Amino acid sequence: MDALYLLIPIALGVMIVVVVAFIYTVKSGQYDDLEGPAHRILMDDDDPRIPGNQAAPAAKVADEAKDKSA
């Protein structure tokens, strides 16, 4: 019975730590996009449909046009 006087405060302390850690992870945005990183690893980096890669294929087409005209 004396062990309960020790275990109950320890259990409450552990519960408070877990709840604070959960609230911190939710507020930091770790659960915002659960599927994006899993899909991003499968995508090809040279794909022009990826934002930021549109300039590379256009420059490549321009270089090919210069080669054909020369």
N, C-alpha and C. Protein backbone atom coordinates (compact mmCIF):
# COMPACT_ATOMS: atom_id res chain seq x y z
N MET A 1 0.82 -1.20 0.00
CA MET A 1 0.00 0.00 0.00
C MET A 1 0.86 1.26 0.00
N ASP A 2 2.02 1.17 0.65
CA ASP A 2 2.90 2.33 0.67
C ASP A 2 3.49 2.62 -0.71
N ALA A 3 3.57 1.59 -1.55
CA ALA A 3 4.11 1.78 -2.90
C ALA A 3 3.22 2.68 -3.74
N LEU A 4 1.92 2.67 -3.47
CA LEU A 4 1.00 3.53 -4.23
C LEU A 4 1.30 5.01 -4.01
N TYR A 5 1.74 5.36 -2.84
CA TYR A 5 2.08 6.76 -2.56
C TYR A 5 3.27 7.21 -3.40
N LEU A 6 4.09 6.28 -3.84
CA LEU A 6 5.23 6.60 -4.71
C LEU A 6 4.85 6.47 -6.19
N LEU A 7 4.09 5.43 -6.52
CA LEU A 7 3.79 5.14 -7.93
C LEU A 7 2.78 6.11 -8.54
N ILE A 8 1.82 6.57 -7.78
CA ILE A 8 0.82 7.49 -8.33
C ILE A 8 1.45 8.81 -8.76
N PRO A 9 2.28 9.46 -7.95
CA PRO A 9 2.92 10.70 -8.45
C PRO A 9 3.85 10.45 -9.63
N ILE A 10 4.55 9.31 -9.63
CA ILE A 10 5.42 9.00 -10.78
C ILE A 10 4.58 8.82 -12.04
N ALA A 11 3.46 8.11 -11.92
CA ALA A 11 2.58 7.91 -13.08
C ALA A 11 2.02 9.23 -13.58
N LEU A 12 1.63 10.09 -12.66
CA LEU A 12 1.12 11.41 -13.08
C LEU A 12 2.22 12.23 -13.76
N GLY A 13 3.44 12.15 -13.26
CA GLY A 13 4.55 12.86 -13.88
C GLY A 13 4.84 12.36 -15.28
N VAL A 14 4.82 11.05 -15.47
CA VAL A 14 5.04 10.48 -16.80
C VAL A 14 3.91 10.89 -17.74
N MET A 15 2.69 10.88 -17.24
CA MET A 15 1.55 11.27 -18.08
C MET A 15 1.67 12.73 -18.51
N ILE A 16 2.08 13.59 -17.61
CA ILE A 16 2.24 15.01 -17.96
C ILE A 16 3.33 15.19 -19.02
N VAL A 17 4.42 14.46 -18.88
CA VAL A 17 5.51 14.56 -19.86
C VAL A 17 5.02 14.10 -21.24
N VAL A 18 4.27 13.01 -21.29
CA VAL A 18 3.77 12.48 -22.57
C VAL A 18 2.79 13.47 -23.21
N VAL A 19 1.90 14.03 -22.41
CA VAL A 19 0.92 14.98 -22.96
C VAL A 19 1.63 16.23 -23.49
N VAL A 20 2.61 16.74 -22.76
CA VAL A 20 3.35 17.92 -23.22
C VAL A 20 4.12 17.60 -24.50
N ALA A 21 4.72 16.41 -24.59
CA ALA A 21 5.43 16.03 -25.81
C ALA A 21 4.48 15.90 -26.98
N PHE A 22 3.30 15.35 -26.76
CA PHE A 22 2.31 15.23 -27.83
C PHE A 22 1.84 16.60 -28.30
N ILE A 23 1.56 17.49 -27.38
CA ILE A 23 1.12 18.85 -27.77
C ILE A 23 2.23 19.56 -28.53
N TYR A 24 3.48 19.39 -28.12
CA TYR A 24 4.60 20.02 -28.83
C TYR A 24 4.70 19.49 -30.26
N THR A 25 4.55 18.18 -30.45
CA THR A 25 4.67 17.63 -31.81
C THR A 25 3.52 18.08 -32.69
N VAL A 26 2.33 18.20 -32.13
CA VAL A 26 1.19 18.67 -32.93
C VAL A 26 1.39 20.12 -33.33
N LYS A 27 1.85 20.96 -32.41
CA LYS A 27 2.03 22.38 -32.72
C LYS A 27 3.21 22.63 -33.65
N SER A 28 4.20 21.73 -33.67
CA SER A 28 5.34 21.93 -34.55
C SER A 28 5.07 21.44 -35.97
N GLY A 29 3.90 20.83 -36.22
CA GLY A 29 3.51 20.46 -37.57
C GLY A 29 4.00 19.11 -38.03
N GLN A 30 4.36 18.23 -37.13
CA GLN A 30 4.86 16.93 -37.55
C GLN A 30 3.77 16.04 -38.13
N TYR A 31 2.51 16.35 -37.88
CA TYR A 31 1.42 15.52 -38.38
C TYR A 31 0.66 16.21 -39.50
N ASP A 32 1.17 17.31 -40.04
CA ASP A 32 0.45 18.04 -41.07
C ASP A 32 0.39 17.27 -42.39
N ASP A 33 1.50 16.76 -42.87
CA ASP A 33 1.55 16.06 -44.15
C ASP A 33 2.16 14.68 -43.92
N LEU A 34 1.30 13.70 -43.78
CA LEU A 34 1.79 12.35 -43.49
C LEU A 34 2.14 11.57 -44.75
N GLU A 35 1.55 11.93 -45.91
CA GLU A 35 1.77 11.16 -47.13
C GLU A 35 2.77 11.82 -48.08
N GLY A 36 2.99 13.10 -47.96
CA GLY A 36 3.86 13.80 -48.88
C GLY A 36 5.28 13.27 -48.93
N PRO A 37 5.97 13.12 -47.80
CA PRO A 37 7.33 12.59 -47.85
C PRO A 37 7.40 11.17 -48.40
N ALA A 38 6.38 10.37 -48.16
CA ALA A 38 6.38 9.00 -48.69
C ALA A 38 6.25 9.00 -50.20
N HIS A 39 5.48 9.94 -50.76
CA HIS A 39 5.33 10.03 -52.21
C HIS A 39 6.53 10.72 -52.83
N ARG A 40 7.11 11.69 -52.14
CA ARG A 40 8.22 12.46 -52.68
C ARG A 40 9.45 11.59 -52.93
N ILE A 41 9.65 10.57 -52.12
CA ILE A 41 10.82 9.71 -52.30
C ILE A 41 10.70 8.86 -53.56
N LEU A 42 9.47 8.65 -54.03
CA LEU A 42 9.26 7.84 -55.22
C LEU A 42 9.32 8.65 -56.50
N MET A 43 9.25 9.98 -56.40
CA MET A 43 9.22 10.82 -57.60
C MET A 43 10.63 11.03 -58.14
N ASP A 44 10.71 11.13 -59.46
CA ASP A 44 11.98 11.37 -60.11
C ASP A 44 12.35 12.84 -59.97
N ASP A 45 13.59 13.12 -59.66
CA ASP A 45 14.01 14.50 -59.46
C ASP A 45 14.00 15.31 -60.76
N ASP A 46 14.10 14.66 -61.91
CA ASP A 46 14.11 15.36 -63.19
C ASP A 46 12.72 15.57 -63.76
N ASP A 47 11.70 15.17 -63.04
CA ASP A 47 10.34 15.29 -63.53
C ASP A 47 9.96 16.76 -63.63
N PRO A 48 9.53 17.24 -64.80
CA PRO A 48 9.20 18.67 -64.93
C PRO A 48 7.93 19.06 -64.18
N ARG A 49 7.14 18.07 -63.75
CA ARG A 49 5.91 18.40 -63.01
C ARG A 49 6.21 18.80 -61.57
N ILE A 50 7.45 18.57 -61.10
CA ILE A 50 7.83 18.96 -59.75
C ILE A 50 8.10 20.46 -59.76
N PRO A 51 7.49 21.21 -58.86
CA PRO A 51 7.74 22.66 -58.83
C PRO A 51 9.22 22.96 -58.64
N GLY A 52 9.72 23.88 -59.44
CA GLY A 52 11.13 24.24 -59.36
C GLY A 52 11.97 23.56 -60.43
N ASN A 53 11.42 22.56 -61.12
CA ASN A 53 12.16 21.87 -62.17
C ASN A 53 11.70 22.27 -63.57
N GLN A 54 10.81 23.27 -63.67
CA GLN A 54 10.32 23.66 -64.98
C GLN A 54 11.40 24.34 -65.80
N ALA A 55 12.32 25.05 -65.20
CA ALA A 55 13.34 25.79 -65.94
C ALA A 55 14.34 24.86 -66.62
N ALA A 56 14.66 23.76 -66.00
CA ALA A 56 15.67 22.85 -66.55
C ALA A 56 15.24 22.25 -67.88
N PRO A 57 14.01 21.69 -68.04
CA PRO A 57 13.63 21.15 -69.34
C PRO A 57 13.50 22.23 -70.40
N ALA A 58 13.04 23.43 -70.07
CA ALA A 58 12.93 24.50 -71.05
C ALA A 58 14.30 24.89 -71.58
N ALA A 59 15.29 24.96 -70.70
CA ALA A 59 16.65 25.28 -71.14
C ALA A 59 17.19 24.16 -72.01
N LYS A 60 16.83 22.93 -71.70
CA LYS A 60 17.29 21.79 -72.49
C LYS A 60 16.68 21.85 -73.89
N VAL A 61 15.40 22.20 -74.02
CA VAL A 61 14.74 22.32 -75.31
C VAL A 61 15.39 23.45 -76.12
N ALA A 62 15.71 24.56 -75.47
CA ALA A 62 16.35 25.68 -76.15
C ALA A 62 17.72 25.27 -76.67
N ASP A 63 18.46 24.51 -75.89
CA ASP A 63 19.77 24.04 -76.34
C ASP A 63 19.64 23.10 -77.53
N GLU A 64 18.62 22.25 -77.52
CA GLU A 64 18.40 21.33 -78.64
C GLU A 64 18.02 22.10 -79.89
N ALA A 65 17.22 23.17 -79.75
CA ALA A 65 16.84 23.99 -80.90
C ALA A 65 18.05 24.70 -81.49
N LYS A 66 18.96 25.15 -80.66
CA LYS A 66 20.17 25.80 -81.14
C LYS A 66 21.04 24.81 -81.90
N ASP A 67 21.10 23.57 -81.38
CA ASP A 67 21.90 22.55 -82.06
C ASP A 67 21.34 22.20 -83.42
N LYS A 68 20.00 22.16 -83.55
CA LYS A 68 19.36 21.83 -84.82
C LYS A 68 19.54 22.96 -85.83
N SER A 69 19.50 24.21 -85.37
CA SER A 69 19.60 25.34 -86.29
C SER A 69 21.05 25.55 -86.75
N ALA A 70 21.99 25.08 -85.98
CA ALA A 70 23.39 25.30 -86.33
C ALA A 70 23.93 24.28 -87.31
